[in-house]
C-alpha atoms as a PDB file:
ATOM      1  CA  GLN A   1     -16.880   6.992   8.701  1.00  0.00           C
ATOM      2  CA  VAL A   2     -13.574   5.721   8.158  1.00  0.00           C
ATOM      3  CA  ARG A   3     -12.456   6.017   4.498  1.00  0.00           C
ATOM      4  CA  LEU A   4      -9.188   5.014   2.901  1.00  0.00           C
ATOM      5  CA  VAL A   5      -8.761   6.294  -1.093  1.00  0.00           C
ATOM      6  CA  GLU A   6      -5.802   4.879  -2.833  1.00  0.00           C
ATOM      7  CA  SER A   7      -4.295   7.097  -5.574  1.00  0.00           C
ATOM      8  CA  GLY A   8      -1.382   6.936  -8.065  1.00  0.00           C
ATOM      9  CA  GLY A   9      -1.842   3.629 -10.135  1.00  0.00           C
ATOM     10  CA  GLY A  10      -1.282   3.573 -13.359  1.00  0.00           C
ATOM     11  CA  LEU A  11       0.459   1.926 -16.588  1.00  0.00           C
ATOM     12  CA  VAL A  12       4.454   2.079 -16.514  1.00  0.00           C
ATOM     13  CA  GLN A  13       7.394   0.256 -18.356  1.00  0.00           C
ATOM     14  CA  ALA A  14       9.328  -2.421 -16.173  1.00  0.00           C
ATOM     15  CA  GLY A  15      12.000  -0.452 -14.751  1.00  0.00           C
ATOM     16  CA  GLY A  16       9.845   2.712 -13.829  1.00  0.00           C
ATOM     17  CA  SER A  17       8.441   3.833 -10.953  1.00  0.00           C
ATOM     18  CA  LEU A  18       4.979   4.954  -8.940  1.00  0.00           C
ATOM     19  CA  ARG A  19       3.853   6.349  -5.664  1.00  0.00           C
ATOM     20  CA  LEU A  20       0.867   4.798  -4.011  1.00  0.00           C
ATOM     21  CA  SER A  21      -1.086   7.050  -1.906  1.00  0.00           C
ATOM     22  CA  CYS A  22      -3.535   6.189   0.920  1.00  0.00           C
ATOM     23  CA  ALA A  23      -5.507   9.106   2.011  1.00  0.00           C
ATOM     24  CA  ALA A  24      -7.355   8.162   5.559  1.00  0.00           C
ATOM     25  CA  SER A  25     -10.389   9.935   7.063  1.00  0.00           C
ATOM     26  CA  GLY A  26     -11.902   9.361  10.272  1.00  0.00           C
ATOM     27  CA  ILE A  27      -9.058   7.491  11.821  1.00  0.00           C
ATOM     28  CA  ILE A  28      -5.435   8.925  12.770  1.00  0.00           C
ATOM     29  CA  SER A  29      -3.568   6.517  10.589  1.00  0.00           C
ATOM     30  CA  SER A  30      -0.497   7.006  12.924  1.00  0.00           C
ATOM     31  CA  ARG A  31      -2.201   4.813  15.544  1.00  0.00           C
ATOM     32  CA  TYR A  32      -2.741   2.091  13.063  1.00  0.00           C
ATOM     33  CA  VAL A  33      -0.675  -0.933  11.024  1.00  0.00           C
ATOM     34  CA  MET A  34      -1.285   0.239   7.764  1.00  0.00           C
ATOM     35  CA  GLY A  35      -0.339  -2.029   5.052  1.00  0.00           C
ATOM     36  CA  TRP A  36      -0.380  -2.539   1.283  1.00  0.00           C
ATOM     37  CA  TYR A  37      -1.645  -5.746  -0.237  1.00  0.00           C
ATOM     38  CA  ARG A  38      -1.855  -6.463  -4.009  1.00  0.00           C
ATOM     39  CA  GLN A  39      -3.894  -8.718  -5.736  1.00  0.00           C
ATOM     40  CA  ALA A  40      -3.066 -10.239  -9.417  1.00  0.00           C
ATOM     41  CA  PRO A  41      -5.751 -11.710 -11.448  1.00  0.00           C
ATOM     42  CA  GLY A  42      -6.388 -15.432 -10.429  1.00  0.00           C
ATOM     43  CA  LYS A  43      -4.033 -14.915  -7.106  1.00  0.00           C
ATOM     44  CA  GLN A  44      -5.174 -14.576  -3.470  1.00  0.00           C
ATOM     45  CA  ARG A  45      -4.496 -11.087  -1.873  1.00  0.00           C
ATOM     46  CA  GLU A  46      -0.573 -10.784  -0.840  1.00  0.00           C
ATOM     47  CA  LEU A  47       0.770  -8.433   1.966  1.00  0.00           C
ATOM     48  CA  VAL A  48       3.350  -6.113   0.087  1.00  0.00           C
ATOM     49  CA  ALA A  49       4.465  -3.414   3.075  1.00  0.00           C
ATOM     50  CA  SER A  50       3.389  -2.941   6.673  1.00  0.00           C
ATOM     51  CA  LEU A  51       4.097   0.152   8.662  1.00  0.00           C
ATOM     52  CA  SER A  52       3.565  -0.222  12.360  1.00  0.00           C
ATOM     53  CA  ASN A  53       2.324   2.401  14.568  1.00  0.00           C
ATOM     54  CA  GLY A  54       5.782   2.181  16.108  1.00  0.00           C
ATOM     55  CA  GLY A  55       7.442   2.668  12.500  1.00  0.00           C
ATOM     56  CA  ASN A  56       8.302  -0.740  12.371  1.00  0.00           C
ATOM     57  CA  THR A  57       8.228  -1.535   8.579  1.00  0.00           C
ATOM     58  CA  ASN A  58       7.946  -4.896   6.680  1.00  0.00           C
ATOM     59  CA  TYR A  59       8.043  -6.257   3.161  1.00  0.00           C
ATOM     60  CA  VAL A  60       7.295  -9.502   1.284  1.00  0.00           C
ATOM     61  CA  ASP A  61      10.759 -10.889  -0.031  1.00  0.00           C
ATOM     62  CA  SER A  62       9.683  -9.945  -3.579  1.00  0.00           C
ATOM     63  CA  VAL A  63       9.697  -6.344  -3.190  1.00  0.00           C
ATOM     64  CA  LYS A  64      12.275  -5.781  -0.595  1.00  0.00           C
ATOM     65  CA  GLY A  65      14.875  -2.933  -2.187  1.00  0.00           C
ATOM     66  CA  ARG A  66      12.458  -1.831  -4.324  1.00  0.00           C
ATOM     67  CA  PHE A  67       9.212  -0.609  -2.308  1.00  0.00           C
ATOM     68  CA  THR A  68       9.212   1.974   0.541  1.00  0.00           C
ATOM     69  CA  ILE A  69       6.266   2.320   2.926  1.00  0.00           C
ATOM     70  CA  SER A  70       6.192   5.753   4.977  1.00  0.00           C
ATOM     71  CA  ARG A  71       3.423   7.854   6.140  1.00  0.00           C
ATOM     72  CA  ASP A  72       2.909  11.526   6.445  1.00  0.00           C
ATOM     73  CA  ASN A  73       1.337  12.458   9.685  1.00  0.00           C
ATOM     74  CA  ALA A  74       0.234  15.736   9.150  1.00  0.00           C
ATOM     75  CA  GLU A  75      -1.395  14.530   5.646  1.00  0.00           C
ATOM     76  CA  ASN A  76      -2.677  11.595   7.413  1.00  0.00           C
ATOM     77  CA  THR A  77      -1.666   9.612   4.298  1.00  0.00           C
ATOM     78  CA  VAL A  78       0.633   6.215   4.055  1.00  0.00           C
ATOM     79  CA  TYR A  79       2.622   6.002   0.603  1.00  0.00           C
ATOM     80  CA  LEU A  80       4.002   2.967  -1.145  1.00  0.00           C
ATOM     81  CA  GLN A  81       7.119   3.875  -3.218  1.00  0.00           C
ATOM     82  CA  MET A  82       7.822   1.356  -5.831  1.00  0.00           C
ATOM     83  CA  ASN A  83      10.940   1.472  -7.842  1.00  0.00           C
ATOM     84  CA  ASN A  84      12.149  -0.851 -10.781  1.00  0.00           C
ATOM     85  CA  LEU A  85       8.781  -2.057 -11.107  1.00  0.00           C
ATOM     86  CA  LYS A  86       8.435  -5.909 -12.922  1.00  0.00           C
ATOM     87  CA  PRO A  87       5.422  -7.081 -14.543  1.00  0.00           C
ATOM     88  CA  GLU A  88       4.772  -9.108 -11.899  1.00  0.00           C
ATOM     89  CA  ASP A  89       4.063  -6.713  -9.684  1.00  0.00           C
ATOM     90  CA  THR A  90       1.086  -6.029 -12.035  1.00  0.00           C
ATOM     91  CA  ALA A  91      -1.786  -5.898  -9.391  1.00  0.00           C
ATOM     92  CA  VAL A  92      -4.648  -4.169  -7.884  1.00  0.00           C
ATOM     93  CA  TYR A  93      -3.060  -2.422  -4.953  1.00  0.00           C
ATOM     94  CA  TYR A  94      -5.327  -2.150  -1.636  1.00  0.00           C
ATOM     95  CA  CYS A  95      -4.611  -0.127   1.381  1.00  0.00           C
ATOM     96  CA  ARG A  96      -5.668  -1.491   4.882  1.00  0.00           C
ATOM     97  CA  ALA A  97      -5.356  -0.158   8.507  1.00  0.00           C
ATOM     98  CA  ARG A  98      -6.002  -2.548  11.457  1.00  0.00           C
ATOM     99  CA  ASP A  99      -6.267  -1.096  14.990  1.00  0.00           C
ATOM    100  CA  PRO A 100      -3.611  -3.070  16.728  1.00  0.00           C
ATOM    101  CA  ILE A 101      -5.409  -2.700  20.168  1.00  0.00           C
ATOM    102  CA  GLY A 102      -9.275  -2.998  18.943  1.00  0.00           C
ATOM    103  CA  ILE A 103     -11.414  -4.540  16.284  1.00  0.00           C
ATOM    104  CA  GLY A 104     -10.731  -1.819  13.767  1.00  0.00           C
ATOM    105  CA  ASN A 105     -10.091  -3.015  10.235  1.00  0.00           C
ATOM    106  CA  TYR A 106     -10.898  -1.072   6.991  1.00  0.00           C
ATOM    107  CA  TRP A 107      -9.919  -1.453   3.552  1.00  0.00           C
ATOM    108  CA  GLY A 108      -9.859   1.241   0.106  1.00  0.00           C
ATOM    109  CA  GLN A 109     -11.293   0.439  -3.009  1.00  0.00           C
ATOM    110  CA  GLY A 110      -7.901  -0.593  -4.653  1.00  0.00           C
ATOM    111  CA  THR A 111      -5.822   1.137  -7.179  1.00  0.00           C
ATOM    112  CA  GLN A 112      -4.761  -0.805 -10.456  1.00  0.00           C
ATOM    113  CA  VAL A 113      -0.733  -0.973 -11.013  1.00  0.00           C
ATOM    114  CA  THR A 114      -0.003  -2.318 -14.512  1.00  0.00           C
ATOM    115  CA  VAL A 115       3.555  -2.869 -15.707  1.00  0.00           C
ATOM    116  CA  SER A 116       4.411  -3.597 -18.961  1.00  0.00           C
ATOM    117  CA  SER A 117       7.509  -5.352 -19.979  1.00  0.00           C
END
């Protein structure tokens, strides 16, 4: 059984930082394309950052220079370090694991990030 469990969300003031964690079980996350997505109220879910199994990263323009995605293979965990947070970063953040050569596609339950102005 595959599980992705996010943690680390919370309430923070603008300019602050949070680190989200996505702990994977049932898969070896380093073999997957791991992504962080977010969905704000009334908006579509968007890709925030991704990390390929080859180590390539990709970020949406609005978070470039502020967010960093990384993985700890020993912990089978992917992180999203978020610095200089802005109120527009407020959303539910979801972790996703996508098998680049198969049909595996898994989502976590989400963690709320709220940035106050």
